[in-house]
N, C-alpha and C. Protein backbone atom coordinates (compact mmCIF):
# COMPACT_ATOMS: atom_id res chain seq x y z
N MET A 1 -17.68 56.83 -53.51
CA MET A 1 -17.16 58.20 -53.61
C MET A 1 -15.64 58.14 -53.47
N ASN A 2 -14.96 58.88 -54.31
CA ASN A 2 -13.51 58.95 -54.28
C ASN A 2 -13.10 60.20 -53.51
N MET A 3 -12.16 60.04 -52.57
CA MET A 3 -11.70 61.16 -51.74
C MET A 3 -10.21 61.40 -51.94
N TYR A 4 -9.84 62.66 -51.87
CA TYR A 4 -8.45 63.09 -51.95
C TYR A 4 -7.98 63.35 -50.52
N VAL A 5 -6.86 62.76 -50.15
CA VAL A 5 -6.32 62.89 -48.80
C VAL A 5 -4.92 63.49 -48.92
N SER A 6 -4.71 64.65 -48.31
CA SER A 6 -3.41 65.31 -48.42
C SER A 6 -2.80 65.57 -47.04
N ASN A 7 -1.56 66.02 -47.06
CA ASN A 7 -0.77 66.31 -45.87
C ASN A 7 -0.55 65.05 -45.03
N LEU A 8 -0.33 63.94 -45.73
CA LEU A 8 -0.04 62.68 -45.05
C LEU A 8 1.42 62.64 -44.63
N SER A 9 1.69 61.90 -43.57
CA SER A 9 3.07 61.63 -43.18
C SER A 9 3.72 60.85 -44.32
N PHE A 10 5.00 61.05 -44.52
CA PHE A 10 5.70 60.34 -45.59
C PHE A 10 5.90 58.86 -45.24
N HIS A 11 5.52 58.47 -44.02
CA HIS A 11 5.62 57.07 -43.59
C HIS A 11 4.29 56.33 -43.75
N THR A 12 3.22 57.05 -44.10
CA THR A 12 1.90 56.43 -44.24
C THR A 12 1.88 55.48 -45.43
N THR A 13 1.35 54.28 -45.21
CA THR A 13 1.27 53.27 -46.28
C THR A 13 -0.18 53.16 -46.75
N ASP A 14 -0.38 52.43 -47.85
CA ASP A 14 -1.73 52.16 -48.35
C ASP A 14 -2.56 51.50 -47.26
N ASP A 15 -1.97 50.54 -46.55
CA ASP A 15 -2.67 49.81 -45.50
C ASP A 15 -3.06 50.73 -44.34
N ASP A 16 -2.15 51.64 -43.96
CA ASP A 16 -2.46 52.62 -42.90
C ASP A 16 -3.67 53.46 -43.29
N LEU A 17 -3.67 53.91 -44.53
CA LEU A 17 -4.75 54.76 -45.04
C LEU A 17 -6.07 53.99 -45.03
N ARG A 18 -6.03 52.76 -45.48
CA ARG A 18 -7.23 51.91 -45.49
C ARG A 18 -7.78 51.74 -44.06
N LYS A 19 -6.91 51.45 -43.11
CA LYS A 19 -7.34 51.24 -41.72
C LYS A 19 -8.00 52.50 -41.12
N LEU A 20 -7.45 53.66 -41.44
CA LEU A 20 -8.03 54.91 -40.95
C LEU A 20 -9.48 55.08 -41.42
N PHE A 21 -9.71 54.79 -42.70
CA PHE A 21 -11.02 55.02 -43.29
C PHE A 21 -12.00 53.88 -43.02
N GLU A 22 -11.52 52.68 -42.76
CA GLU A 22 -12.40 51.55 -42.49
C GLU A 22 -13.22 51.73 -41.22
N GLN A 23 -12.82 52.64 -40.38
CA GLN A 23 -13.61 52.95 -39.17
C GLN A 23 -14.99 53.49 -39.53
N TYR A 24 -15.12 53.99 -40.76
CA TYR A 24 -16.36 54.66 -41.18
C TYR A 24 -17.12 53.89 -42.26
N GLY A 25 -16.59 52.73 -42.68
CA GLY A 25 -17.30 51.93 -43.66
C GLY A 25 -16.35 51.14 -44.54
N ALA A 26 -16.93 50.50 -45.54
CA ALA A 26 -16.16 49.66 -46.45
C ALA A 26 -15.32 50.50 -47.42
N VAL A 27 -14.04 50.19 -47.47
CA VAL A 27 -13.11 50.90 -48.35
C VAL A 27 -12.88 50.05 -49.60
N SER A 28 -13.17 50.61 -50.77
CA SER A 28 -12.95 49.91 -52.03
C SER A 28 -11.48 49.91 -52.41
N SER A 29 -10.82 51.06 -52.19
CA SER A 29 -9.39 51.17 -52.48
C SER A 29 -8.78 52.30 -51.66
N ALA A 30 -7.49 52.16 -51.38
CA ALA A 30 -6.73 53.18 -50.66
C ALA A 30 -5.33 53.17 -51.25
N LYS A 31 -4.89 54.32 -51.75
CA LYS A 31 -3.61 54.38 -52.43
C LYS A 31 -2.86 55.66 -52.06
N VAL A 32 -1.65 55.49 -51.51
CA VAL A 32 -0.75 56.61 -51.26
C VAL A 32 0.07 56.78 -52.53
N ILE A 33 0.13 57.99 -53.04
CA ILE A 33 0.84 58.25 -54.29
C ILE A 33 2.33 58.41 -54.01
N SER A 34 3.13 57.74 -54.82
CA SER A 34 4.58 57.81 -54.63
C SER A 34 5.25 58.38 -55.88
N ASP A 35 6.44 58.92 -55.66
CA ASP A 35 7.23 59.50 -56.73
C ASP A 35 7.68 58.39 -57.68
N ARG A 36 7.57 58.60 -58.97
CA ARG A 36 7.93 57.58 -59.96
C ARG A 36 9.41 57.22 -59.92
N GLU A 37 10.23 58.21 -59.68
CA GLU A 37 11.68 57.98 -59.73
C GLU A 37 12.24 57.42 -58.43
N THR A 38 11.81 57.96 -57.29
CA THR A 38 12.39 57.55 -56.01
C THR A 38 11.56 56.50 -55.28
N GLY A 39 10.27 56.41 -55.60
CA GLY A 39 9.40 55.47 -54.91
C GLY A 39 8.93 55.97 -53.56
N LYS A 40 9.36 57.17 -53.17
CA LYS A 40 8.97 57.74 -51.87
C LYS A 40 7.59 58.38 -51.96
N SER A 41 6.88 58.37 -50.84
CA SER A 41 5.55 58.97 -50.76
C SER A 41 5.62 60.45 -51.14
N ARG A 42 4.56 60.90 -51.82
CA ARG A 42 4.46 62.32 -52.16
C ARG A 42 3.59 63.06 -51.13
N GLY A 43 3.09 62.34 -50.12
CA GLY A 43 2.34 62.99 -49.04
C GLY A 43 0.86 63.15 -49.29
N PHE A 44 0.35 62.47 -50.33
CA PHE A 44 -1.09 62.51 -50.58
C PHE A 44 -1.54 61.19 -51.17
N GLY A 45 -2.85 60.99 -51.18
CA GLY A 45 -3.37 59.75 -51.74
C GLY A 45 -4.86 59.84 -52.01
N PHE A 46 -5.45 58.71 -52.35
CA PHE A 46 -6.87 58.65 -52.67
C PHE A 46 -7.50 57.45 -51.97
N VAL A 47 -8.71 57.64 -51.49
CA VAL A 47 -9.47 56.56 -50.85
C VAL A 47 -10.84 56.53 -51.51
N GLU A 48 -11.28 55.33 -51.87
CA GLU A 48 -12.60 55.19 -52.47
C GLU A 48 -13.46 54.33 -51.55
N MET A 49 -14.67 54.84 -51.30
CA MET A 49 -15.64 54.10 -50.49
C MET A 49 -16.90 53.93 -51.33
N GLY A 50 -17.56 52.79 -51.20
CA GLY A 50 -18.72 52.47 -52.01
C GLY A 50 -19.94 53.30 -51.67
N SER A 51 -20.07 53.70 -50.43
CA SER A 51 -21.25 54.44 -49.97
C SER A 51 -20.92 55.92 -49.79
N ASP A 52 -21.71 56.78 -50.41
CA ASP A 52 -21.51 58.23 -50.24
C ASP A 52 -21.71 58.64 -48.79
N ALA A 53 -22.66 58.02 -48.11
CA ALA A 53 -22.94 58.37 -46.71
C ALA A 53 -21.73 58.04 -45.83
N GLU A 54 -21.12 56.87 -46.06
CA GLU A 54 -19.93 56.50 -45.29
C GLU A 54 -18.76 57.43 -45.61
N ALA A 55 -18.61 57.77 -46.87
CA ALA A 55 -17.53 58.67 -47.28
C ALA A 55 -17.70 60.05 -46.64
N LYS A 56 -18.92 60.56 -46.62
CA LYS A 56 -19.17 61.87 -46.01
C LYS A 56 -18.88 61.83 -44.52
N GLU A 57 -19.20 60.72 -43.87
CA GLU A 57 -18.91 60.56 -42.45
C GLU A 57 -17.40 60.53 -42.22
N ALA A 58 -16.68 59.84 -43.09
CA ALA A 58 -15.22 59.79 -43.00
C ALA A 58 -14.62 61.18 -43.18
N ILE A 59 -15.11 61.93 -44.16
CA ILE A 59 -14.61 63.29 -44.40
C ILE A 59 -14.86 64.15 -43.15
N LYS A 60 -16.06 64.07 -42.62
CA LYS A 60 -16.42 64.87 -41.44
C LYS A 60 -15.50 64.57 -40.26
N ASN A 61 -15.17 63.30 -40.06
CA ASN A 61 -14.38 62.90 -38.90
C ASN A 61 -12.88 62.93 -39.10
N LEU A 62 -12.42 62.80 -40.33
CA LEU A 62 -10.97 62.72 -40.56
C LEU A 62 -10.34 63.99 -41.09
N ASN A 63 -11.13 64.91 -41.66
CA ASN A 63 -10.57 66.16 -42.16
C ASN A 63 -9.99 66.95 -40.98
N ASN A 64 -8.75 67.36 -41.10
CA ASN A 64 -8.00 68.09 -40.08
C ASN A 64 -7.61 67.24 -38.88
N LYS A 65 -7.80 65.92 -38.96
CA LYS A 65 -7.38 65.03 -37.87
C LYS A 65 -5.86 64.88 -37.93
N GLU A 66 -5.24 64.95 -36.76
CA GLU A 66 -3.79 64.82 -36.70
C GLU A 66 -3.41 63.34 -36.69
N VAL A 67 -2.59 62.97 -37.67
CA VAL A 67 -2.09 61.60 -37.80
C VAL A 67 -0.58 61.68 -37.98
N GLU A 68 0.16 61.04 -37.11
CA GLU A 68 1.62 61.06 -37.14
C GLU A 68 2.16 62.50 -37.16
N GLY A 69 1.53 63.37 -36.37
CA GLY A 69 2.01 64.74 -36.24
C GLY A 69 1.60 65.69 -37.34
N ARG A 70 0.75 65.24 -38.27
CA ARG A 70 0.31 66.11 -39.37
C ARG A 70 -1.20 66.11 -39.44
N ALA A 71 -1.77 67.31 -39.64
CA ALA A 71 -3.22 67.44 -39.78
C ALA A 71 -3.59 67.16 -41.23
N MET A 72 -4.12 65.96 -41.49
CA MET A 72 -4.44 65.61 -42.87
C MET A 72 -5.70 66.32 -43.33
N ALA A 73 -5.78 66.54 -44.62
CA ALA A 73 -6.96 67.18 -45.23
C ALA A 73 -7.65 66.13 -46.09
N VAL A 74 -8.98 66.03 -45.93
CA VAL A 74 -9.76 65.04 -46.68
C VAL A 74 -10.90 65.78 -47.38
N SER A 75 -11.03 65.56 -48.68
CA SER A 75 -12.11 66.18 -49.45
C SER A 75 -12.54 65.26 -50.58
N VAL A 76 -13.66 65.59 -51.20
CA VAL A 76 -14.11 64.83 -52.36
C VAL A 76 -13.12 65.08 -53.49
N ALA A 77 -12.68 64.00 -54.13
CA ALA A 77 -11.71 64.13 -55.22
C ALA A 77 -12.40 64.66 -56.47
N ARG A 78 -11.70 65.53 -57.18
CA ARG A 78 -12.21 66.02 -58.46
C ARG A 78 -11.86 65.01 -59.53
N GLU A 79 -12.64 65.00 -60.58
CA GLU A 79 -12.34 64.12 -61.71
C GLU A 79 -11.05 64.59 -62.37
N LYS A 80 -10.27 63.65 -62.82
CA LYS A 80 -9.02 63.98 -63.49
C LYS A 80 -9.34 64.60 -64.84
N SER A 81 -8.82 65.79 -65.08
CA SER A 81 -9.08 66.47 -66.34
C SER A 81 -7.99 66.10 -67.35
N PRO A 82 -8.35 65.99 -68.60
CA PRO A 82 -7.35 65.66 -69.62
C PRO A 82 -6.35 66.81 -69.77
N ARG A 83 -5.09 66.45 -69.93
CA ARG A 83 -4.04 67.46 -70.08
C ARG A 83 -3.63 67.54 -71.54
N ALA A 84 -3.61 68.75 -72.07
CA ALA A 84 -3.23 68.94 -73.47
C ALA A 84 -1.77 68.61 -73.70
N ASP A 85 -0.93 68.81 -72.69
CA ASP A 85 0.51 68.58 -72.86
C ASP A 85 0.90 67.13 -72.57
N ASN A 86 -0.09 66.25 -72.42
CA ASN A 86 0.18 64.85 -72.08
C ASN A 86 0.10 63.94 -73.31
N LYS A 87 0.37 64.49 -74.47
CA LYS A 87 0.28 63.71 -75.71
C LYS A 87 1.56 62.89 -75.88
N ARG A 88 1.36 61.70 -76.41
CA ARG A 88 2.51 60.86 -76.73
C ARG A 88 2.60 60.70 -78.23
N TRP A 89 3.77 60.87 -78.76
CA TRP A 89 3.95 60.82 -80.21
C TRP A 89 4.47 59.50 -80.62
């Protein structure tokens, strides 16, 4: 299951995110999204766990948990929808 994690501290790294979620099971991937131009964190990321049960447990325990002074939000990620304005000529 892929999860969307928002309201992260701008100091949170991919490894920090992975460690937070590994408490609840095996993490397939953990990625903090960064700005293309500056390379700085945008304050959100995605975590993928192989087991839906483990992911649901992580959501239950980590949603609204305060990390580095910020209450992060964790939810099931929506599928990326195609954008009409994303055409390349």
